[in-house]
N, C-alpha and C. Protein backbone atom coordinates (compact mmCIF):
# COMPACT_ATOMS: atom_id res chain seq x y z
N MET A 1 8.62 14.86 -10.17
CA MET A 1 9.39 14.59 -8.49
C MET A 1 10.47 13.75 -8.50
N LEU A 2 9.86 12.61 -8.94
CA LEU A 2 10.46 11.48 -8.84
C LEU A 2 11.96 11.95 -9.46
N ARG A 3 11.99 12.19 -10.96
CA ARG A 3 13.34 12.11 -11.54
C ARG A 3 13.97 13.24 -10.39
N GLU A 4 13.55 14.34 -10.24
CA GLU A 4 14.07 15.55 -9.60
C GLU A 4 14.92 14.94 -7.95
N ILE A 5 14.09 13.92 -7.33
CA ILE A 5 14.63 13.94 -6.36
C ILE A 5 15.59 12.75 -6.78
N TRP A 6 15.81 11.85 -7.97
CA TRP A 6 16.84 10.77 -7.62
C TRP A 6 17.84 11.42 -8.40
N GLN A 7 17.78 12.66 -9.17
CA GLN A 7 18.66 13.29 -9.87
C GLN A 7 19.59 14.39 -8.71
N ASN A 8 18.92 14.85 -7.40
CA ASN A 8 19.43 15.47 -6.45
C ASN A 8 20.65 14.48 -5.50
N ASN A 9 20.09 13.04 -5.73
CA ASN A 9 20.85 12.56 -4.98
C ASN A 9 21.70 11.24 -5.67
N TYR A 10 22.27 11.91 -6.63
CA TYR A 10 23.57 11.04 -6.99
C TYR A 10 22.98 9.91 -8.31
N LYS A 11 21.34 10.25 -8.45
CA LYS A 11 21.21 8.72 -9.26
C LYS A 11 21.07 7.65 -8.58
N ALA A 12 21.02 7.57 -6.82
CA ALA A 12 21.86 6.38 -6.24
C ALA A 12 20.38 5.89 -5.50
N TYR A 13 19.10 6.53 -5.44
CA TYR A 13 18.34 6.16 -4.88
C TYR A 13 17.19 5.46 -5.83
N TRP A 14 16.70 3.98 -4.86
CA TRP A 14 15.58 3.37 -5.56
C TRP A 14 14.32 3.25 -4.92
N ALA A 15 13.59 2.67 -5.39
CA ALA A 15 12.04 3.10 -4.84
C ALA A 15 11.96 3.19 -2.70
N PRO A 16 12.36 2.21 -2.33
CA PRO A 16 12.21 2.42 -0.86
C PRO A 16 12.86 3.30 -0.64
N ARG A 17 13.72 4.06 -0.86
CA ARG A 17 14.62 5.78 -0.82
C ARG A 17 13.54 6.64 -0.98
N LEU A 18 13.23 6.73 -2.18
CA LEU A 18 12.40 8.10 -2.68
C LEU A 18 11.11 7.68 -2.35
N ARG A 19 10.56 6.27 -1.87
CA ARG A 19 9.13 6.39 -1.04
C ARG A 19 9.17 7.21 0.45
N VAL A 20 10.17 7.04 1.05
CA VAL A 20 10.83 7.71 2.26
C VAL A 20 10.80 9.31 1.95
N GLU A 21 11.57 9.94 0.81
CA GLU A 21 11.85 11.26 0.40
C GLU A 21 10.43 11.80 0.05
N LEU A 22 9.64 10.74 -0.55
CA LEU A 22 7.88 11.50 -0.94
C LEU A 22 7.46 11.97 0.28
N ALA A 23 7.64 10.80 1.25
CA ALA A 23 6.78 10.54 2.41
C ALA A 23 7.28 11.81 3.22
N ASN A 24 8.33 12.29 3.01
CA ASN A 24 8.83 13.50 3.69
C ASN A 24 8.26 14.89 3.32
N LEU A 25 7.80 15.09 2.06
CA LEU A 25 7.07 16.08 1.21
C LEU A 25 5.74 15.68 1.45
N ASN A 26 5.22 14.39 2.23
CA ASN A 26 3.68 14.83 2.64
C ASN A 26 2.73 13.87 1.23
N LEU A 27 3.50 12.86 0.65
CA LEU A 27 3.32 12.36 -0.33
C LEU A 27 3.00 10.60 -0.28
N HIS A 28 2.53 10.29 0.04
CA HIS A 28 2.64 8.69 0.37
C HIS A 28 2.02 7.73 -0.74
N TYR A 29 3.04 7.09 -0.85
CA TYR A 29 2.67 5.90 -2.01
C TYR A 29 3.07 4.61 -1.72
N VAL A 30 2.55 3.73 -2.22
CA VAL A 30 3.51 2.27 -1.78
C VAL A 30 5.03 2.27 -2.54
N THR A 31 5.86 1.10 -2.31
CA THR A 31 6.72 1.23 -3.27
C THR A 31 6.49 0.83 -3.80
N ASN A 32 5.81 -0.28 -4.32
CA ASN A 32 5.42 -0.76 -5.65
C ASN A 32 5.06 0.13 -6.82
N ARG A 33 4.29 1.09 -6.25
CA ARG A 33 3.33 1.79 -7.16
C ARG A 33 4.83 3.02 -7.40
N ILE A 34 5.82 3.52 -6.93
CA ILE A 34 6.76 3.98 -7.46
C ILE A 34 7.62 3.05 -7.92
N HIS A 35 8.19 1.92 -7.77
CA HIS A 35 8.84 1.03 -8.67
C HIS A 35 8.38 1.20 -9.96
N TYR A 36 7.05 1.14 -10.21
CA TYR A 36 5.82 0.91 -11.70
C TYR A 36 6.33 2.09 -12.31
N LEU A 37 6.48 3.39 -11.60
CA LEU A 37 6.62 4.57 -12.41
C LEU A 37 8.04 4.50 -12.68
N MET A 38 8.91 4.55 -11.68
CA MET A 38 10.24 4.62 -12.30
C MET A 38 10.75 3.78 -13.34
N GLN A 39 9.69 2.84 -13.55
CA GLN A 39 10.51 1.58 -14.86
C GLN A 39 9.66 2.45 -16.08
N ALA A 40 8.41 3.06 -15.79
CA ALA A 40 7.81 4.04 -17.26
C ALA A 40 8.63 5.22 -17.78
N ALA A 41 9.37 5.87 -16.62
CA ALA A 41 10.36 6.69 -16.81
C ALA A 41 11.67 6.02 -17.08
N GLY A 42 12.28 5.16 -17.03
CA GLY A 42 13.54 5.01 -17.06
C GLY A 42 14.35 5.43 -16.02
N ILE A 43 13.86 5.03 -15.22
CA ILE A 43 14.99 5.59 -13.93
C ILE A 43 15.52 4.71 -12.79
N TYR A 44 16.94 4.36 -12.65
CA TYR A 44 17.27 3.40 -12.29
C TYR A 44 18.37 3.49 -10.96
N SER A 45 18.58 3.12 -10.46
CA SER A 45 19.51 3.45 -9.04
C SER A 45 21.08 2.91 -10.05
N ALA A 46 21.86 3.91 -9.69
CA ALA A 46 23.23 3.45 -10.17
C ALA A 46 23.75 2.81 -9.58
N MET A 47 23.63 2.63 -7.70
CA MET A 47 24.52 1.83 -7.52
C MET A 47 24.07 0.35 -7.51
N SER A 48 25.33 -0.66 -7.44
CA SER A 48 24.55 -2.12 -7.29
C SER A 48 24.37 -2.45 -6.09
N HIS A 49 25.79 -2.43 -4.93
CA HIS A 49 25.86 -2.97 -3.60
C HIS A 49 26.54 -1.71 -2.77
N ARG A 50 26.57 -1.85 -1.88
CA ARG A 50 27.32 -0.76 -1.02
C ARG A 50 28.59 -1.67 -0.62
N PHE A 51 28.85 -2.75 -0.23
CA PHE A 51 30.22 -3.47 0.02
C PHE A 51 29.75 -5.17 0.15
N ASN A 52 30.76 -5.58 -0.22
CA ASN A 52 30.93 -7.23 -0.26
C ASN A 52 30.55 -7.74 1.13
N LYS A 53 30.26 -8.94 1.29
CA LYS A 53 30.22 -9.45 2.83
C LYS A 53 31.39 -9.73 3.27
N PRO A 54 31.86 -9.79 4.41
CA PRO A 54 33.45 -10.39 4.74
C PRO A 54 33.36 -11.51 4.72
N MET A 55 34.52 -11.98 4.49
CA MET A 55 34.47 -13.63 4.62
C MET A 55 35.46 -14.36 5.63
N THR A 56 35.23 -15.19 6.16
CA THR A 56 35.56 -15.68 7.35
C THR A 56 36.70 -16.43 7.04
N THR A 57 38.14 -16.04 7.27
CA THR A 57 39.16 -16.22 7.23
C THR A 57 39.80 -16.70 8.65
N ALA A 58 40.65 -17.89 8.40
CA ALA A 58 41.77 -17.87 9.44
C ALA A 58 42.92 -17.69 9.23
N ASP A 59 43.89 -16.93 9.57
CA ASP A 59 45.57 -17.46 8.98
C ASP A 59 46.18 -18.34 9.76
N TYR A 60 45.72 -19.27 10.85
CA TYR A 60 46.50 -20.20 11.53
C TYR A 60 45.45 -21.37 11.15
N HIS A 61 45.94 -22.61 11.65
CA HIS A 61 45.46 -23.96 11.59
C HIS A 61 44.44 -23.71 12.59
N GLN A 62 42.87 -24.38 12.48
CA GLN A 62 42.09 -24.22 13.26
C GLN A 62 42.58 -25.82 14.08
N ARG A 63 42.07 -25.90 15.40
CA ARG A 63 42.60 -26.84 16.14
C ARG A 63 41.06 -27.65 15.90
N PRO A 64 41.87 -29.09 16.22
CA PRO A 64 40.76 -29.96 15.96
C PRO A 64 39.30 -30.56 16.94
N ASN A 65 38.41 -30.75 16.98
CA ASN A 65 37.38 -30.96 17.54
C ASN A 65 37.85 -32.26 18.22
N VAL A 66 37.88 -32.21 19.60
CA VAL A 66 38.63 -33.35 20.71
C VAL A 66 37.38 -33.92 21.04
N ILE A 67 35.79 -33.34 20.89
CA ILE A 67 35.00 -34.17 22.10
C ILE A 67 33.98 -34.38 20.85
N LYS A 68 34.41 -34.39 19.73
CA LYS A 68 33.06 -34.48 19.22
C LYS A 68 33.26 -36.11 18.46
N ASP A 69 33.88 -36.84 19.17
CA ASP A 69 33.88 -38.32 18.75
C ASP A 69 33.50 -38.87 20.62
N LEU A 70 33.45 -37.87 21.55
CA LEU A 70 32.79 -38.40 22.74
C LEU A 70 31.42 -38.85 23.06
N PRO A 71 31.14 -39.86 24.03
CA PRO A 71 29.74 -39.75 24.31
C PRO A 71 28.84 -38.50 25.02
N GLU A 72 28.01 -38.32 24.60
CA GLU A 72 27.38 -36.92 25.31
C GLU A 72 27.40 -37.16 26.74
N ALA A 73 28.04 -38.61 27.47
CA ALA A 73 27.32 -38.28 28.93
C ALA A 73 29.10 -37.71 29.62
N ASN A 74 29.87 -37.84 29.21
CA ASN A 74 31.14 -37.68 29.24
C ASN A 74 31.34 -35.87 28.61
N VAL A 75 30.64 -35.36 28.12
CA VAL A 75 31.17 -33.97 27.80
C VAL A 75 30.07 -32.83 28.34
N TRP A 76 30.88 -31.74 28.88
CA TRP A 76 29.92 -30.59 29.68
C TRP A 76 30.23 -29.25 28.50
N SER A 77 29.38 -28.32 28.67
CA SER A 77 29.57 -27.56 27.89
C SER A 77 29.00 -26.22 29.01
N MET A 78 29.89 -25.05 28.80
CA MET A 78 29.43 -23.51 29.45
C MET A 78 29.87 -22.63 28.84
N ASP A 79 29.27 -21.50 29.61
CA ASP A 79 29.76 -20.28 29.00
C ASP A 79 30.13 -19.05 30.31
N VAL A 80 31.59 -19.38 30.47
CA VAL A 80 32.44 -18.53 31.44
C VAL A 80 32.91 -17.10 31.18
N THR A 81 32.07 -16.29 30.29
CA THR A 81 32.40 -15.13 30.19
C THR A 81 31.76 -13.92 31.66
N TYR A 82 31.00 -14.56 32.38
CA TYR A 82 30.32 -14.15 33.43
C TYR A 82 31.57 -14.42 34.46
N LEU A 83 31.95 -14.80 34.54
CA LEU A 83 33.26 -15.32 36.00
C LEU A 83 34.44 -13.79 36.04
N LYS A 84 34.52 -13.66 37.12
CA LYS A 84 35.44 -12.54 37.34
C LYS A 84 36.50 -13.39 37.81
N GLY A 85 37.78 -12.77 37.25
CA GLY A 85 38.83 -13.43 37.43
C GLY A 85 39.51 -12.68 38.71
N SER A 86 40.87 -13.27 38.85
CA SER A 86 41.55 -12.80 39.95
C SER A 86 42.06 -11.24 39.70
N ASN A 87 41.97 -10.98 38.64
CA ASN A 87 42.71 -9.46 38.64
C ASN A 87 41.49 -8.81 38.64
N GLY A 88 40.24 -9.02 38.46
CA GLY A 88 38.73 -8.17 38.66
C GLY A 88 38.39 -7.92 37.64
N GLN A 89 38.78 -8.78 36.30
CA GLN A 89 38.16 -7.99 35.16
C GLN A 89 36.97 -9.53 34.82
């Protein structure tokens, strides 16, 4: 049954997803048991990763941290996203 579910889903499913599919058929197994059965049957997922993590890049020069060297008594910080502007936004 594992092999059939695996082949019908483009050989992309791994143990956690196969566990969900088996649970839909009222067959409840632990993920580690399914992983063991997959290894014994020679079943593996054809997918490695869906996507790469995005990189944080900026196309402009970063502004310097001007308050880094000031004493803490002279620095205030706040979040002003809740203030309503004069144009109503």
